[in-house]
Amino acid sequence: MGIGEEGLAILGLGRRKPEWEGKSPGRRRKIGKDGISAVLGYAGVAQEGKVAKAKGEYEVEPAPDVEADVNGIVDALSYGHINGFRIICMRSKGATARAYARIWNLPHIWQKALDVGTFYIIEVLHEHYDPLPPEEKKRVLIHELLHIPKTFSGALRPHGGKVGINEKTVRQLYNIYVERKGIAAKKESALKGAEEMF
């Protein structure tokens, strides 16, 4: 979807008479043909049957597999302050960031303006996240969950705050996660054994 003729007129690029016409060349503030092409291309306006892709544009889709992992981590680590229903997991393709994942918040002003509660989005970057082994994926998700404060207010914790969001903290929490998942698996197998007896 492009900006259309109305938008181009607002930018001074429409079919109306340019404001610079009749002024000396040194005082002109014009956008030449190349400038118009660049603006049209950036805005995604169709040119000769093609739609130019906006700079920085990438594909995003829901990531139910990541959401299942996040819910498992939240349950195992007893993160009572995190509302799993208000965490949305997305997978992006074509992003230029070097990160494995990133977390997005819905700032307080947006919550008030839209009359909604707190939401967080965990975005995993397909090119970097998906090739990781499962245990490393869990560590990445633990790291992102550490950015959510205990108030679940919509704010984000910084890396250098009271809670150290670093490799050491992530490793400790991952070890707790593995231990608790192992205990849960043993209980589940014992329960299956008991069910078979009856």
C-alpha atoms as a PDB file:
ATOM      1  CA  MET A   1       0.000   0.000   0.000  1.00  0.00           C
ATOM      2  CA  GLY A   2       1.562   3.251  -1.076  1.00  0.00           C
ATOM      3  CA  ILE A   3       0.999   6.828  -0.008  1.00  0.00           C
ATOM      4  CA  GLY A   4      -1.053   7.759  -3.091  1.00  0.00           C
ATOM      5  CA  GLU A   5      -1.388  11.081  -4.894  1.00  0.00           C
ATOM      6  CA  GLU A   6      -2.768  12.848  -1.823  1.00  0.00           C
ATOM      7  CA  GLY A   7       0.276  11.855   0.199  1.00  0.00           C
ATOM      8  CA  LEU A   8       2.596  12.886  -2.605  1.00  0.00           C
ATOM      9  CA  ALA A   9       0.892  16.292  -2.720  1.00  0.00           C
ATOM     10  CA  ILE A  10       1.495  16.704   1.015  1.00  0.00           C
ATOM     11  CA  LEU A  11       5.165  15.910   0.437  1.00  0.00           C
ATOM     12  CA  GLY A  12       5.248  18.426  -2.402  1.00  0.00           C
ATOM     13  CA  LEU A  13       5.710  15.701  -4.997  1.00  0.00           C
ATOM     14  CA  GLY A  14       2.270  15.653  -6.593  1.00  0.00           C
ATOM     15  CA  ARG A  15       1.132  17.065  -9.908  1.00  0.00           C
ATOM     16  CA  ARG A  16       0.641  20.574  -8.599  1.00  0.00           C
ATOM     17  CA  LYS A  17       2.984  23.415  -9.559  1.00  0.00           C
ATOM     18  CA  PRO A  18       6.251  23.146  -7.599  1.00  0.00           C
ATOM     19  CA  GLU A  19       6.885  25.872  -5.021  1.00  0.00           C
ATOM     20  CA  TRP A  20      10.428  26.372  -6.292  1.00  0.00           C
ATOM     21  CA  GLU A  21       9.391  27.315  -9.816  1.00  0.00           C
ATOM     22  CA  GLY A  22      10.609  30.794 -10.763  1.00  0.00           C
ATOM     23  CA  LYS A  23      13.201  30.975  -7.947  1.00  0.00           C
ATOM     24  CA  SER A  24      16.909  31.173  -8.553  1.00  0.00           C
ATOM     25  CA  PRO A  25      18.719  27.812  -8.767  1.00  0.00           C
ATOM     26  CA  GLY A  26      20.606  28.470  -5.511  1.00  0.00           C
ATOM     27  CA  ARG A  27      17.392  28.907  -3.529  1.00  0.00           C
ATOM     28  CA  ARG A  28      15.479  25.981  -4.985  1.00  0.00           C
ATOM     29  CA  ARG A  29      14.419  23.190  -2.701  1.00  0.00           C
ATOM     30  CA  LYS A  30      13.408  20.601  -5.198  1.00  0.00           C
ATOM     31  CA  ILE A  31      13.411  16.879  -5.410  1.00  0.00           C
ATOM     32  CA  GLY A  32      14.585  15.706  -8.797  1.00  0.00           C
ATOM     33  CA  LYS A  33      13.372  12.681 -10.710  1.00  0.00           C
ATOM     34  CA  ASP A  34      15.702  10.415  -8.742  1.00  0.00           C
ATOM     35  CA  GLY A  35      14.381  11.821  -5.452  1.00  0.00           C
ATOM     36  CA  ILE A  36      10.784  11.196  -6.475  1.00  0.00           C
ATOM     37  CA  SER A  37      11.666   7.643  -7.513  1.00  0.00           C
ATOM     38  CA  ALA A  38      13.331   7.088  -4.157  1.00  0.00           C
ATOM     39  CA  VAL A  39      10.313   8.391  -2.217  1.00  0.00           C
ATOM     40  CA  LEU A  40       7.916   6.350  -4.331  1.00  0.00           C
ATOM     41  CA  GLY A  41      10.086   3.281  -3.931  1.00  0.00           C
ATOM     42  CA  TYR A  42      10.338   3.723  -0.176  1.00  0.00           C
ATOM     43  CA  ALA A  43       6.600   4.252   0.137  1.00  0.00           C
ATOM     44  CA  GLY A  44       5.895   1.082  -1.840  1.00  0.00           C
ATOM     45  CA  VAL A  45       4.088   2.883  -4.654  1.00  0.00           C
ATOM     46  CA  ALA A  46       3.746   0.746  -7.793  1.00  0.00           C
ATOM     47  CA  GLN A  47       6.142   1.757 -10.565  1.00  0.00           C
ATOM     48  CA  GLU A  48       5.819   0.168 -13.984  1.00  0.00           C
ATOM     49  CA  GLY A  49       4.004  -2.877 -12.623  1.00  0.00           C
ATOM     50  CA  LYS A  50       6.427  -3.399  -9.719  1.00  0.00           C
ATOM     51  CA  VAL A  51       5.910  -2.706  -6.045  1.00  0.00           C
ATOM     52  CA  ALA A  52       9.116  -1.606  -4.403  1.00  0.00           C
ATOM     53  CA  LYS A  53       9.846  -3.084  -0.984  1.00  0.00           C
ATOM     54  CA  ALA A  54      10.265  -0.478   1.729  1.00  0.00           C
ATOM     55  CA  LYS A  55      13.693  -0.247   3.319  1.00  0.00           C
ATOM     56  CA  GLY A  56      13.879  -2.418   6.423  1.00  0.00           C
ATOM     57  CA  GLU A  57      10.682  -4.313   5.581  1.00  0.00           C
ATOM     58  CA  TYR A  58      10.574  -7.950   6.654  1.00  0.00           C
ATOM     59  CA  GLU A  59       8.030 -10.738   7.011  1.00  0.00           C
ATOM     60  CA  VAL A  60       6.507 -11.601  10.374  1.00  0.00           C
ATOM     61  CA  GLU A  61       4.322 -14.574  11.289  1.00  0.00           C
ATOM     62  CA  PRO A  62       3.017 -16.164  14.503  1.00  0.00           C
ATOM     63  CA  ALA A  63       5.371 -18.678  16.142  1.00  0.00           C
ATOM     64  CA  PRO A  64       3.320 -21.263  18.085  1.00  0.00           C
ATOM     65  CA  ASP A  65       6.415 -23.449  18.666  1.00  0.00           C
ATOM     66  CA  VAL A  66       8.182 -20.550  20.392  1.00  0.00           C
ATOM     67  CA  GLU A  67       5.036 -19.773  22.386  1.00  0.00           C
ATOM     68  CA  ALA A  68       4.935 -23.395  23.641  1.00  0.00           C
ATOM     69  CA  ASP A  69       8.599 -23.129  24.712  1.00  0.00           C
ATOM     70  CA  VAL A  70       7.942 -19.795  26.474  1.00  0.00           C
ATOM     71  CA  ASN A  71       4.960 -21.240  28.349  1.00  0.00           C
ATOM     72  CA  GLY A  72       7.046 -24.258  29.389  1.00  0.00           C
ATOM     73  CA  ILE A  73       9.814 -22.005  30.689  1.00  0.00           C
ATOM     74  CA  VAL A  74       7.358 -19.758  32.560  1.00  0.00           C
ATOM     75  CA  ASP A  75       5.724 -22.804  34.195  1.00  0.00           C
ATOM     76  CA  ALA A  76       8.994 -24.521  35.108  1.00  0.00           C
ATOM     77  CA  LEU A  77      10.637 -21.405  36.534  1.00  0.00           C
ATOM     78  CA  SER A  78       7.460 -20.376  38.393  1.00  0.00           C
ATOM     79  CA  TYR A  79       7.469 -16.917  36.854  1.00  0.00           C
ATOM     80  CA  GLY A  80       4.204 -15.963  38.555  1.00  0.00           C
ATOM     81  CA  HIS A  81       4.480 -12.331  37.495  1.00  0.00           C
ATOM     82  CA  ILE A  82       4.352 -13.245  33.796  1.00  0.00           C
ATOM     83  CA  ASN A  83       0.942 -13.608  32.222  1.00  0.00           C
ATOM     84  CA  GLY A  84       1.445 -16.111  29.411  1.00  0.00           C
ATOM     85  CA  PHE A  85      -1.748 -14.959  27.707  1.00  0.00           C
ATOM     86  CA  ARG A  86      -0.220 -11.507  27.245  1.00  0.00           C
ATOM     87  CA  ILE A  87       2.982 -12.684  25.606  1.00  0.00           C
ATOM     88  CA  ILE A  88       2.803 -13.017  21.843  1.00  0.00           C
ATOM     89  CA  CYS A  89       5.532 -14.886  19.997  1.00  0.00           C
ATOM     90  CA  MET A  90       6.377 -13.996  16.410  1.00  0.00           C
ATOM     91  CA  ARG A  91       8.964 -15.211  13.887  1.00  0.00           C
ATOM     92  CA  SER A  92      10.495 -12.711  11.476  1.00  0.00           C
ATOM     93  CA  LYS A  93      12.262 -13.420   8.212  1.00  0.00           C
ATOM     94  CA  GLY A  94      14.531 -10.953   6.482  1.00  0.00           C
ATOM     95  CA  ALA A  95      15.298  -8.754   9.501  1.00  0.00           C
ATOM     96  CA  THR A  96      18.743  -7.176   9.395  1.00  0.00           C
ATOM     97  CA  ALA A  97      19.413  -7.313  13.154  1.00  0.00           C
ATOM     98  CA  ARG A  98      22.157  -9.641  14.378  1.00  0.00           C
ATOM     99  CA  ALA A  99      20.208 -10.795  17.448  1.00  0.00           C
ATOM    100  CA  TYR A 100      18.679 -14.242  17.905  1.00  0.00           C
ATOM    101  CA  ALA A 101      15.553 -12.717  19.400  1.00  0.00           C
ATOM    102  CA  ARG A 102      14.226  -9.472  20.815  1.00  0.00           C
ATOM    103  CA  ILE A 103      11.382  -8.424  23.043  1.00  0.00           C
ATOM    104  CA  TRP A 104       8.950  -5.608  22.320  1.00  0.00           C
ATOM    105  CA  ASN A 105       6.727  -3.864  24.825  1.00  0.00           C
ATOM    106  CA  LEU A 106       3.500  -1.943  24.536  1.00  0.00           C
ATOM    107  CA  PRO A 107       4.275   1.336  26.307  1.00  0.00           C
ATOM    108  CA  HIS A 108       1.908   2.670  28.960  1.00  0.00           C
ATOM    109  CA  ILE A 109       0.682   5.532  26.769  1.00  0.00           C
ATOM    110  CA  TRP A 110      -0.374   3.068  24.044  1.00  0.00           C
ATOM    111  CA  GLN A 111      -2.122   0.911  26.639  1.00  0.00           C
ATOM    112  CA  LYS A 112      -4.151   3.927  27.770  1.00  0.00           C
ATOM    113  CA  ALA A 113      -4.837   5.179  24.245  1.00  0.00           C
ATOM    114  CA  LEU A 114      -6.022   1.767  23.033  1.00  0.00           C
ATOM    115  CA  ASP A 115      -7.680   0.824  26.348  1.00  0.00           C
ATOM    116  CA  VAL A 116      -5.827  -2.490  26.560  1.00  0.00           C
ATOM    117  CA  GLY A 117      -3.651  -4.177  29.137  1.00  0.00           C
ATOM    118  CA  THR A 118       0.029  -4.941  29.060  1.00  0.00           C
ATOM    119  CA  PHE A 119       1.383  -7.000  26.170  1.00  0.00           C
ATOM    120  CA  TYR A 120       4.858  -8.156  25.267  1.00  0.00           C
ATOM    121  CA  ILE A 121       6.005  -9.599  21.951  1.00  0.00           C
ATOM    122  CA  ILE A 122       8.953 -11.955  21.712  1.00  0.00           C
ATOM    123  CA  GLU A 123      10.269 -11.888  18.171  1.00  0.00           C
ATOM    124  CA  VAL A 124      12.667 -14.618  17.076  1.00  0.00           C
ATOM    125  CA  LEU A 125      14.746 -13.902  13.990  1.00  0.00           C
ATOM    126  CA  HIS A 126      14.470 -16.927  11.716  1.00  0.00           C
ATOM    127  CA  GLU A 127      17.944 -16.646  10.184  1.00  0.00           C
ATOM    128  CA  HIS A 128      19.727 -16.690  13.559  1.00  0.00           C
ATOM    129  CA  TYR A 129      17.311 -18.413  15.960  1.00  0.00           C
ATOM    130  CA  ASP A 130      16.025 -21.415  14.006  1.00  0.00           C
ATOM    131  CA  PRO A 131      19.449 -23.052  13.339  1.00  0.00           C
ATOM    132  CA  LEU A 132      20.210 -23.114  17.099  1.00  0.00           C
ATOM    133  CA  PRO A 133      20.028 -26.403  19.039  1.00  0.00           C
ATOM    134  CA  PRO A 134      16.942 -26.730  21.322  1.00  0.00           C
ATOM    135  CA  GLU A 135      18.811 -26.035  24.568  1.00  0.00           C
ATOM    136  CA  GLU A 136      20.307 -22.824  23.144  1.00  0.00           C
ATOM    137  CA  LYS A 137      16.847 -21.714  21.997  1.00  0.00           C
ATOM    138  CA  LYS A 138      15.617 -22.101  25.579  1.00  0.00           C
ATOM    139  CA  ARG A 139      18.509 -19.960  26.837  1.00  0.00           C
ATOM    140  CA  VAL A 140      17.650 -17.231  24.321  1.00  0.00           C
ATOM    141  CA  LEU A 141      14.010 -17.248  25.467  1.00  0.00           C
ATOM    142  CA  ILE A 142      15.029 -17.130  29.138  1.00  0.00           C
ATOM    143  CA  HIS A 143      17.160 -14.099  28.318  1.00  0.00           C
ATOM    144  CA  GLU A 144      14.188 -12.342  26.677  1.00  0.00           C
ATOM    145  CA  LEU A 145      11.858 -13.201  29.576  1.00  0.00           C
ATOM    146  CA  LEU A 146      14.348 -11.626  32.007  1.00  0.00           C
ATOM    147  CA  HIS A 147      13.596  -8.263  30.379  1.00  0.00           C
ATOM    148  CA  ILE A 148      10.024  -8.385  31.773  1.00  0.00           C
ATOM    149  CA  PRO A 149       9.886  -6.646  35.177  1.00  0.00           C
ATOM    150  CA  LYS A 150       8.064  -8.137  38.172  1.00  0.00           C
ATOM    151  CA  THR A 151       5.405  -5.434  37.833  1.00  0.00           C
ATOM    152  CA  PHE A 152       4.502  -6.672  34.320  1.00  0.00           C
ATOM    153  CA  SER A 153       3.806  -3.016  33.580  1.00  0.00           C
ATOM    154  CA  GLY A 154       4.763  -2.879  29.931  1.00  0.00           C
ATOM    155  CA  ALA A 155       8.231  -1.553  30.702  1.00  0.00           C
ATOM    156  CA  LEU A 156      11.459  -3.438  29.942  1.00  0.00           C
ATOM    157  CA  ARG A 157      14.378  -4.164  32.248  1.00  0.00           C
ATOM    158  CA  PRO A 158      17.763  -3.022  30.917  1.00  0.00           C
ATOM    159  CA  HIS A 159      20.762  -5.351  30.739  1.00  0.00           C
ATOM    160  CA  GLY A 160      22.640  -3.450  33.430  1.00  0.00           C
ATOM    161  CA  GLY A 161      19.852  -3.140  36.009  1.00  0.00           C
ATOM    162  CA  LYS A 162      19.347  -4.806  39.414  1.00  0.00           C
ATOM    163  CA  VAL A 163      18.650  -8.138  37.766  1.00  0.00           C
ATOM    164  CA  GLY A 164      21.748  -9.004  35.788  1.00  0.00           C
ATOM    165  CA  ILE A 165      20.543  -9.969  32.338  1.00  0.00           C
ATOM    166  CA  ASN A 166      23.730 -11.743  31.347  1.00  0.00           C
ATOM    167  CA  GLU A 167      25.144 -15.166  30.493  1.00  0.00           C
ATOM    168  CA  LYS A 168      25.645 -16.140  34.160  1.00  0.00           C
ATOM    169  CA  THR A 169      22.021 -15.444  35.143  1.00  0.00           C
ATOM    170  CA  VAL A 170      20.690 -17.179  32.035  1.00  0.00           C
ATOM    171  CA  ARG A 171      22.888 -20.247  32.722  1.00  0.00           C
ATOM    172  CA  GLN A 172      21.660 -20.470  36.338  1.00  0.00           C
ATOM    173  CA  LEU A 173      18.011 -20.203  35.303  1.00  0.00           C
ATOM    174  CA  TYR A 174      18.493 -22.695  32.483  1.00  0.00           C
ATOM    175  CA  ASN A 175      19.970 -25.218  34.962  1.00  0.00           C
ATOM    176  CA  ILE A 176      16.951 -24.739  37.248  1.00  0.00           C
ATOM    177  CA  TYR A 177      14.659 -25.169  34.226  1.00  0.00           C
ATOM    178  CA  VAL A 178      16.366 -28.440  33.191  1.00  0.00           C
ATOM    179  CA  GLU A 179      16.258 -29.763  36.760  1.00  0.00           C
ATOM    180  CA  ARG A 180      12.561 -28.976  37.188  1.00  0.00           C
ATOM    181  CA  LYS A 181      11.676 -30.390  33.770  1.00  0.00           C
ATOM    182  CA  GLY A 182      13.563 -33.591  34.694  1.00  0.00           C
ATOM    183  CA  ILE A 183      11.636 -33.915  37.956  1.00  0.00           C
ATOM    184  CA  ALA A 184       8.355 -33.281  36.118  1.00  0.00           C
ATOM    185  CA  ALA A 185       9.251 -35.941  33.524  1.00  0.00           C
ATOM    186  CA  LYS A 186      10.005 -38.488  36.284  1.00  0.00           C
ATOM    187  CA  LYS A 187       6.682 -37.731  37.988  1.00  0.00           C
ATOM    188  CA  GLU A 188       4.870 -38.071  34.668  1.00  0.00           C
ATOM    189  CA  SER A 189       6.476 -41.446  33.916  1.00  0.00           C
ATOM    190  CA  ALA A 190       5.688 -42.679  37.453  1.00  0.00           C
ATOM    191  CA  LEU A 191       2.078 -41.547  36.992  1.00  0.00           C
ATOM    192  CA  LYS A 192       1.849 -43.427  33.671  1.00  0.00           C
ATOM    193  CA  GLY A 193       3.212 -46.526  35.392  1.00  0.00           C
ATOM    194  CA  ALA A 194       0.620 -46.188  38.143  1.00  0.00           C
ATOM    195  CA  GLU A 195      -2.201 -45.722  35.605  1.00  0.00           C
ATOM    196  CA  GLU A 196      -1.187 -48.904  33.788  1.00  0.00           C
ATOM    197  CA  MET A 197      -1.464 -50.880  37.036  1.00  0.00           C
ATOM    198  CA  PHE A 198      -5.178 -50.081  37.353  1.00  0.00           C
END
